[in-house]
């Protein structure tokens, strides 16, 4: 079981998960747009791959769109 340090209590949030039966306390996620330092080296290549794969998703909806995008980005990043 994980614990939240007292210095981070002000940033803690409650999450309700009805299917799992309860309320959980967790740490607040990173702010929108923030990239952790250990992932910054991947940002340029992922952004380029994501831009190149936008056309693959045209006309698709839902899970088909997600699968097509993930497949395209994955294949471009492996090259």
PDB file of N, CA and C in Angstrom:
ATOM      1  N   UNK A   1       0.844  -1.170   0.000  1.00  0.00           N
ATOM      2  CA  UNK A   1       0.000   0.000   0.000  1.00  0.00           C
ATOM      3  C   UNK A   1       0.890   1.234   0.000  1.00  0.00           C
ATOM      4  N   UNK A   2       0.542   2.217  -0.813  1.00  0.00           N
ATOM      5  CA  UNK A   2       1.322   3.449  -0.910  1.00  0.00           C
ATOM      6  C   UNK A   2       0.811   4.468   0.107  1.00  0.00           C
ATOM      7  N   UNK A   3       1.682   5.346   0.485  1.00  0.00           N
ATOM      8  CA  UNK A   3       1.320   6.397   1.432  1.00  0.00           C
ATOM      9  C   UNK A   3       1.601   7.751   0.811  1.00  0.00           C
ATOM     10  N   UNK A   4       0.859   8.762   1.243  1.00  0.00           N
ATOM     11  CA  UNK A   4       1.075  10.126   0.786  1.00  0.00           C
ATOM     12  C   UNK A   4       1.786  10.875   1.905  1.00  0.00           C
ATOM     13  N   UNK A   5       2.970  11.419   1.649  1.00  0.00           N
ATOM     14  CA  UNK A   5       3.689  12.156   2.687  1.00  0.00           C
ATOM     15  C   UNK A   5       2.882  13.363   3.166  1.00  0.00           C
ATOM     16  N   UNK A   6       3.069  13.738   4.399  1.00  0.00           N
ATOM     17  CA  UNK A   6       2.324  14.864   4.960  1.00  0.00           C
ATOM     18  C   UNK A   6       2.569  16.158   4.192  1.00  0.00           C
ATOM     19  N   UNK A   7       3.779  16.330   3.637  1.00  0.00           N
ATOM     20  CA  UNK A   7       4.048  17.565   2.895  1.00  0.00           C
ATOM     21  C   UNK A   7       3.215  17.652   1.616  1.00  0.00           C
ATOM     22  N   UNK A   8       2.667  16.522   1.139  1.00  0.00           N
ATOM     23  CA  UNK A   8       1.858  16.502  -0.075  1.00  0.00           C
ATOM     24  C   UNK A   8       0.359  16.420   0.185  1.00  0.00           C
ATOM     25  N   UNK A   9      -0.060  16.506   1.427  1.00  0.00           N
ATOM     26  CA  UNK A   9      -1.480  16.362   1.750  1.00  0.00           C
ATOM     27  C   UNK A   9      -2.308  17.454   1.087  1.00  0.00           C
ATOM     28  N   UNK A  10      -1.776  18.652   0.951  1.00  0.00           N
ATOM     29  CA  UNK A  10      -2.509  19.734   0.303  1.00  0.00           C
ATOM     30  C   UNK A  10      -2.772  19.476  -1.169  1.00  0.00           C
ATOM     31  N   UNK A  11      -2.025  18.574  -1.771  1.00  0.00           N
ATOM     32  CA  UNK A  11      -2.208  18.247  -3.183  1.00  0.00           C
ATOM     33  C   UNK A  11      -2.941  16.921  -3.382  1.00  0.00           C
ATOM     34  N   UNK A  12      -3.381  16.299  -2.318  1.00  0.00           N
ATOM     35  CA  UNK A  12      -4.080  15.018  -2.413  1.00  0.00           C
ATOM     36  C   UNK A  12      -5.522  15.240  -2.861  1.00  0.00           C
ATOM     37  N   UNK A  13      -6.076  14.259  -3.579  1.00  0.00           N
ATOM     38  CA  UNK A  13      -7.457  14.340  -4.034  1.00  0.00           C
ATOM     39  C   UNK A  13      -8.170  13.023  -3.711  1.00  0.00           C
ATOM     40  N   UNK A  14      -9.486  13.100  -3.583  1.00  0.00           N
ATOM     41  CA  UNK A  14     -10.304  11.912  -3.373  1.00  0.00           C
ATOM     42  C   UNK A  14     -10.856  11.455  -4.705  1.00  0.00           C
ATOM     43  N   UNK A  15     -10.817  10.160  -4.952  1.00  0.00           N
ATOM     44  CA  UNK A  15     -11.332   9.573  -6.178  1.00  0.00           C
ATOM     45  C   UNK A  15     -12.354   8.520  -5.794  1.00  0.00           C
ATOM     46  N   UNK A  16     -13.542   8.619  -6.376  1.00  0.00           N
ATOM     47  CA  UNK A  16     -14.562   7.601  -6.111  1.00  0.00           C
ATOM     48  C   UNK A  16     -14.547   6.589  -7.242  1.00  0.00           C
ATOM     49  N   UNK A  17     -14.589   5.349  -6.876  1.00  0.00           N
ATOM     50  CA  UNK A  17     -14.626   4.256  -7.850  1.00  0.00           C
ATOM     51  C   UNK A  17     -15.742   3.294  -7.433  1.00  0.00           C
ATOM     52  N   UNK A  18     -16.924   3.555  -7.949  1.00  0.00           N
ATOM     53  CA  UNK A  18     -18.074   2.753  -7.522  1.00  0.00           C
ATOM     54  C   UNK A  18     -17.929   1.261  -7.792  1.00  0.00           C
ATOM     55  N   UNK A  19     -17.309   0.878  -8.903  1.00  0.00           N
ATOM     56  CA  UNK A  19     -17.185  -0.548  -9.227  1.00  0.00           C
ATOM     57  C   UNK A  19     -16.263  -1.262  -8.251  1.00  0.00           C
ATOM     58  N   UNK A  20     -15.301  -0.545  -7.718  1.00  0.00           N
ATOM     59  CA  UNK A  20     -14.388  -1.165  -6.754  1.00  0.00           C
ATOM     60  C   UNK A  20     -14.840  -0.920  -5.323  1.00  0.00           C
ATOM     61  N   UNK A  21     -15.914  -0.212  -5.181  1.00  0.00           N
ATOM     62  CA  UNK A  21     -16.527  -0.040  -3.880  1.00  0.00           C
ATOM     63  C   UNK A  21     -15.755   0.832  -2.916  1.00  0.00           C
ATOM     64  N   UNK A  22     -15.612   2.093  -3.223  1.00  0.00           N
ATOM     65  CA  UNK A  22     -14.971   2.930  -2.249  1.00  0.00           C
ATOM     66  C   UNK A  22     -14.475   4.259  -2.761  1.00  0.00           C
ATOM     67  N   UNK A  23     -13.877   4.961  -1.818  1.00  0.00           N
ATOM     68  CA  UNK A  23     -13.278   6.253  -2.080  1.00  0.00           C
ATOM     69  C   UNK A  23     -11.797   6.115  -1.782  1.00  0.00           C
ATOM     70  N   UNK A  24     -10.965   6.631  -2.681  1.00  0.00           N
ATOM     71  CA  UNK A  24      -9.528   6.510  -2.527  1.00  0.00           C
ATOM     72  C   UNK A  24      -8.885   7.878  -2.455  1.00  0.00           C
ATOM     73  N   UNK A  25      -7.821   7.956  -1.753  1.00  0.00           N
ATOM     74  CA  UNK A  25      -7.015   9.160  -1.661  1.00  0.00           C
ATOM     75  C   UNK A  25      -5.782   8.944  -2.525  1.00  0.00           C
ATOM     76  N   UNK A  26      -5.507   9.868  -3.420  1.00  0.00           N
ATOM     77  CA  UNK A  26      -4.336   9.712  -4.266  1.00  0.00           C
ATOM     78  C   UNK A  26      -3.655  11.057  -4.470  1.00  0.00           C
ATOM     79  N   UNK A  27      -2.438  10.999  -4.978  1.00  0.00           N
ATOM     80  CA  UNK A  27      -1.715  12.227  -5.279  1.00  0.00           C
ATOM     81  C   UNK A  27      -2.283  12.862  -6.535  1.00  0.00           C
ATOM     82  N   UNK A  28      -2.242  14.177  -6.564  1.00  0.00           N
ATOM     83  CA  UNK A  28      -2.695  14.922  -7.731  1.00  0.00           C
ATOM     84  C   UNK A  28      -1.731  14.679  -8.881  1.00  0.00           C
ATOM     85  N   UNK A  29      -2.245  14.501 -10.083  1.00  0.00           N
ATOM     86  CA  UNK A  29      -1.409  14.265 -11.250  1.00  0.00           C
ATOM     87  C   UNK A  29      -0.624  15.524 -11.605  1.00  0.00           C
ATOM     88  N   UNK A  30       0.253  15.378 -12.577  1.00  0.00           N
ATOM     89  CA  UNK A  30       1.001  16.533 -13.051  1.00  0.00           C
ATOM     90  C   UNK A  30       0.040  17.549 -13.658  1.00  0.00           C
ATOM     91  N   UNK A  31       0.377  18.828 -13.605  1.00  0.00           N
ATOM     92  CA  UNK A  31      -0.468  19.834 -14.264  1.00  0.00           C
ATOM     93  C   UNK A  31      -0.477  19.632 -15.782  1.00  0.00           C
ATOM     94  N   UNK A  32      -1.528  20.082 -16.423  1.00  0.00           N
ATOM     95  CA  UNK A  32      -1.664  19.917 -17.870  1.00  0.00           C
ATOM     96  C   UNK A  32      -0.498  20.610 -18.575  1.00  0.00           C
ATOM     97  N   UNK A  33       0.093  19.908 -19.520  1.00  0.00           N
ATOM     98  CA  UNK A  33       1.205  20.455 -20.281  1.00  0.00           C
ATOM     99  C   UNK A  33       2.576  20.202 -19.679  1.00  0.00           C
ATOM    100  N   UNK A  34       2.628  19.695 -18.465  1.00  0.00           N
ATOM    101  CA  UNK A  34       3.903  19.431 -17.807  1.00  0.00           C
ATOM    102  C   UNK A  34       4.470  18.105 -18.304  1.00  0.00           C
ATOM    103  N   UNK A  35       5.748  18.088 -18.587  1.00  0.00           N
ATOM    104  CA  UNK A  35       6.416  16.851 -18.986  1.00  0.00           C
ATOM    105  C   UNK A  35       7.530  16.568 -17.987  1.00  0.00           C
ATOM    106  N   UNK A  36       7.514  15.394 -17.351  1.00  0.00           N
ATOM    107  CA  UNK A  36       8.582  15.044 -16.422  1.00  0.00           C
ATOM    108  C   UNK A  36       9.932  15.051 -17.134  1.00  0.00           C
ATOM    109  N   UNK A  37      10.983  15.430 -16.438  1.00  0.00           N
ATOM    110  CA  UNK A  37      12.303  15.534 -17.064  1.00  0.00           C
ATOM    111  C   UNK A  37      12.765  14.249 -17.756  1.00  0.00           C
ATOM    112  N   UNK A  38      12.418  13.089 -17.210  1.00  0.00           N
ATOM    113  CA  UNK A  38      12.900  11.842 -17.806  1.00  0.00           C
ATOM    114  C   UNK A  38      12.193  11.497 -19.120  1.00  0.00           C
ATOM    115  N   UNK A  39      11.125  12.219 -19.481  1.00  0.00           N
ATOM    116  CA  UNK A  39      10.414  11.954 -20.731  1.00  0.00           C
ATOM    117  C   UNK A  39      10.663  13.015 -21.801  1.00  0.00           C
ATOM    118  N   UNK A  40      11.364  14.076 -21.460  1.00  0.00           N
ATOM    119  CA  UNK A  40      11.567  15.177 -22.412  1.00  0.00           C
ATOM    120  C   UNK A  40      12.334  14.749 -23.653  1.00  0.00           C
ATOM    121  N   UNK A  41      13.209  13.785 -23.546  1.00  0.00           N
ATOM    122  CA  UNK A  41      13.974  13.355 -24.713  1.00  0.00           C
ATOM    123  C   UNK A  41      13.091  12.661 -25.755  1.00  0.00           C
ATOM    124  N   UNK A  42      11.914  12.194 -25.367  1.00  0.00           N
ATOM    125  CA  UNK A  42      11.015  11.497 -26.285  1.00  0.00           C
ATOM    126  C   UNK A  42       9.981  12.428 -26.923  1.00  0.00           C
ATOM    127  N   UNK A  43       9.851  13.642 -26.407  1.00  0.00           N
ATOM    128  CA  UNK A  43       8.768  14.528 -26.843  1.00  0.00           C
ATOM    129  C   UNK A  43       8.833  14.893 -28.318  1.00  0.00           C
ATOM    130  N   UNK A  44      10.005  15.207 -28.826  1.00  0.00           N
ATOM    131  CA  UNK A  44      10.116  15.623 -30.223  1.00  0.00           C
ATOM    132  C   UNK A  44       9.739  14.502 -31.182  1.00  0.00           C
ATOM    133  N   UNK A  45      10.271  13.311 -30.933  1.00  0.00           N
ATOM    134  CA  UNK A  45       9.978  12.200 -31.846  1.00  0.00           C
ATOM    135  C   UNK A  45       8.504  11.790 -31.765  1.00  0.00           C
ATOM    136  N   UNK A  46       7.911  11.822 -30.574  1.00  0.00           N
ATOM    137  CA  UNK A  46       6.499  11.466 -30.448  1.00  0.00           C
ATOM    138  C   UNK A  46       5.610  12.515 -31.108  1.00  0.00           C
ATOM    139  N   UNK A  47       5.931  13.788 -30.920  1.00  0.00           N
ATOM    140  CA  UNK A  47       5.134  14.855 -31.530  1.00  0.00           C
ATOM    141  C   UNK A  47       5.156  14.752 -33.054  1.00  0.00           C
ATOM    142  N   UNK A  48       6.305  14.456 -33.618  1.00  0.00           N
ATOM    143  CA  UNK A  48       6.413  14.313 -35.071  1.00  0.00           C
ATOM    144  C   UNK A  48       5.604  13.104 -35.548  1.00  0.00           C
ATOM    145  N   UNK A  49       5.716  11.992 -34.849  1.00  0.00           N
ATOM    146  CA  UNK A  49       4.961  10.791 -35.227  1.00  0.00           C
ATOM    147  C   UNK A  49       3.463  11.026 -35.106  1.00  0.00           C
ATOM    148  N   UNK A  50       3.027  11.708 -34.057  1.00  0.00           N
ATOM    149  CA  UNK A  50       1.599  11.980 -33.859  1.00  0.00           C
ATOM    150  C   UNK A  50       1.069  12.872 -34.974  1.00  0.00           C
ATOM    151  N   UNK A  51       1.847  13.862 -35.375  1.00  0.00           N
ATOM    152  CA  UNK A  51       1.428  14.730 -36.474  1.00  0.00           C
ATOM    153  C   UNK A  51       1.319  13.984 -37.792  1.00  0.00           C
ATOM    154  N   UNK A  52       2.252  13.078 -38.037  1.00  0.00           N
ATOM    155  CA  UNK A  52       2.231  12.296 -39.273  1.00  0.00           C
ATOM    156  C   UNK A  52       1.052  11.316 -39.312  1.00  0.00           C
ATOM    157  N   UNK A  53       0.567  10.903 -38.159  1.00  0.00           N
ATOM    158  CA  UNK A  53      -0.485   9.879 -38.097  1.00  0.00           C
ATOM    159  C   UNK A  53      -1.900  10.452 -38.025  1.00  0.00           C
ATOM    160  N   UNK A  54      -2.056  11.735 -38.067  1.00  0.00           N
ATOM    161  CA  UNK A  54      -3.406  12.316 -37.983  1.00  0.00           C
ATOM    162  C   UNK A  54      -4.291  11.873 -39.143  1.00  0.00           C
ATOM    163  N   UNK A  55      -3.717  11.740 -40.331  1.00  0.00           N
ATOM    164  CA  UNK A  55      -4.492  11.338 -41.502  1.00  0.00           C
ATOM    165  C   UNK A  55      -5.019   9.917 -41.423  1.00  0.00           C
ATOM    166  N   UNK A  56      -4.342   9.060 -40.665  1.00  0.00           N
ATOM    167  CA  UNK A  56      -4.757   7.662 -40.529  1.00  0.00           C
ATOM    168  C   UNK A  56      -6.104   7.553 -39.823  1.00  0.00           C
ATOM    169  N   UNK A  57      -6.411   8.534 -38.968  1.00  0.00           N
ATOM    170  CA  UNK A  57      -7.617   8.468 -38.151  1.00  0.00           C
ATOM    171  C   UNK A  57      -8.852   9.042 -38.844  1.00  0.00           C
ATOM    172  N   UNK A  58      -8.707   9.584 -40.039  1.00  0.00           N
ATOM    173  CA  UNK A  58      -9.834  10.208 -40.732  1.00  0.00           C
ATOM    174  C   UNK A  58     -10.958   9.195 -40.956  1.00  0.00           C
ATOM    175  N   UNK A  59     -12.151   9.566 -40.539  1.00  0.00           N
ATOM    176  CA  UNK A  59     -13.320   8.725 -40.749  1.00  0.00           C
ATOM    177  C   UNK A  59     -13.513   7.631 -39.720  1.00  0.00           C
ATOM    178  N   UNK A  60     -12.595   7.475 -38.805  1.00  0.00           N
ATOM    179  CA  UNK A  60     -12.735   6.437 -37.778  1.00  0.00           C
ATOM    180  C   UNK A  60     -13.319   7.031 -36.506  1.00  0.00           C
ATOM    181  N   UNK A  61     -13.958   6.180 -35.720  1.00  0.00           N
ATOM    182  CA  UNK A  61     -14.542   6.628 -34.454  1.00  0.00           C
ATOM    183  C   UNK A  61     -14.243   5.609 -33.364  1.00  0.00           C
ATOM    184  N   UNK A  62     -14.273   6.088 -32.144  1.00  0.00           N
ATOM    185  CA  UNK A  62     -14.162   5.210 -30.983  1.00  0.00           C
ATOM    186  C   UNK A  62     -12.865   4.441 -30.912  1.00  0.00           C
ATOM    187  N   UNK A  63     -12.989   3.171 -30.559  1.00  0.00           N
ATOM    188  CA  UNK A  63     -11.827   2.320 -30.342  1.00  0.00           C
ATOM    189  C   UNK A  63     -11.033   2.083 -31.620  1.00  0.00           C
ATOM    190  N   UNK A  64     -11.706   2.059 -32.761  1.00  0.00           N
ATOM    191  CA  UNK A  64     -10.999   1.883 -34.033  1.00  0.00           C
ATOM    192  C   UNK A  64     -10.010   3.020 -34.264  1.00  0.00           C
ATOM    193  N   UNK A  65     -10.425   4.229 -33.889  1.00  0.00           N
ATOM    194  CA  UNK A  65      -9.560   5.404 -34.040  1.00  0.00           C
ATOM    195  C   UNK A  65      -8.332   5.293 -33.138  1.00  0.00           C
ATOM    196  N   UNK A  66      -8.547   4.869 -31.911  1.00  0.00           N
ATOM    197  CA  UNK A  66      -7.451   4.717 -30.948  1.00  0.00           C
ATOM    198  C   UNK A  66      -6.463   3.660 -31.416  1.00  0.00           C
ATOM    199  N   UNK A  67      -6.972   2.526 -31.858  1.00  0.00           N
ATOM    200  CA  UNK A  67      -6.101   1.434 -32.312  1.00  0.00           C
ATOM    201  C   UNK A  67      -5.299   1.863 -33.539  1.00  0.00           C
ATOM    202  N   UNK A  68      -5.950   2.534 -34.491  1.00  0.00           N
ATOM    203  CA  UNK A  68      -5.247   2.987 -35.695  1.00  0.00           C
ATOM    204  C   UNK A  68      -4.147   3.982 -35.347  1.00  0.00           C
ATOM    205  N   UNK A  69      -4.445   4.913 -34.446  1.00  0.00           N
ATOM    206  CA  UNK A  69      -3.452   5.911 -34.043  1.00  0.00           C
ATOM    207  C   UNK A  69      -2.276   5.260 -33.325  1.00  0.00           C
ATOM    208  N   UNK A  70      -2.567   4.393 -32.379  1.00  0.00           N
ATOM    209  CA  UNK A  70      -1.507   3.729 -31.624  1.00  0.00           C
ATOM    210  C   UNK A  70      -0.625   2.862 -32.525  1.00  0.00           C
ATOM    211  N   UNK A  71      -1.236   2.177 -33.475  1.00  0.00           N
ATOM    212  CA  UNK A  71      -0.474   1.343 -34.400  1.00  0.00           C
ATOM    213  C   UNK A  71       0.443   2.193 -35.269  1.00  0.00           C
ATOM    214  N   UNK A  72      -0.089   3.281 -35.786  1.00  0.00           N
ATOM    215  CA  UNK A  72       0.691   4.168 -36.641  1.00  0.00           C
ATOM    216  C   UNK A  72       1.864   4.788 -35.874  1.00  0.00           C
ATOM    217  N   UNK A  73       1.585   5.341 -34.701  1.00  0.00           N
ATOM    218  CA  UNK A  73       2.649   5.969 -33.911  1.00  0.00           C
ATOM    219  C   UNK A  73       3.696   4.926 -33.522  1.00  0.00           C
ATOM    220  N   UNK A  74       3.252   3.753 -33.111  1.00  0.00           N
ATOM    221  CA  UNK A  74       4.192   2.704 -32.727  1.00  0.00           C
ATOM    222  C   UNK A  74       5.110   2.305 -33.862  1.00  0.00           C
ATOM    223  N   UNK A  75       4.546   2.195 -35.072  1.00  0.00           N
ATOM    224  CA  UNK A  75       5.382   1.798 -36.208  1.00  0.00           C
ATOM    225  C   UNK A  75       6.371   2.899 -36.576  1.00  0.00           C
ATOM    226  N   UNK A  76       5.976   4.162 -36.435  1.00  0.00           N
ATOM    227  CA  UNK A  76       6.891   5.267 -36.763  1.00  0.00           C
ATOM    228  C   UNK A  76       8.003   5.401 -35.729  1.00  0.00           C
ATOM    229  N   UNK A  77       7.693   5.127 -34.470  1.00  0.00           N
ATOM    230  CA  UNK A  77       8.708   5.258 -33.424  1.00  0.00           C
ATOM    231  C   UNK A  77       9.710   4.119 -33.457  1.00  0.00           C
ATOM    232  N   UNK A  78       9.340   2.962 -34.014  1.00  0.00           N
ATOM    233  CA  UNK A  78      10.257   1.828 -34.082  1.00  0.00           C
ATOM    234  C   UNK A  78      11.284   1.986 -35.183  1.00  0.00           C
ATOM    235  N   UNK A  79      11.010   2.855 -36.141  1.00  0.00           N
ATOM    236  CA  UNK A  79      11.930   3.049 -37.280  1.00  0.00           C
ATOM    237  C   UNK A  79      13.194   3.741 -36.860  1.00  0.00           C
TER     238      UNK A  79
END
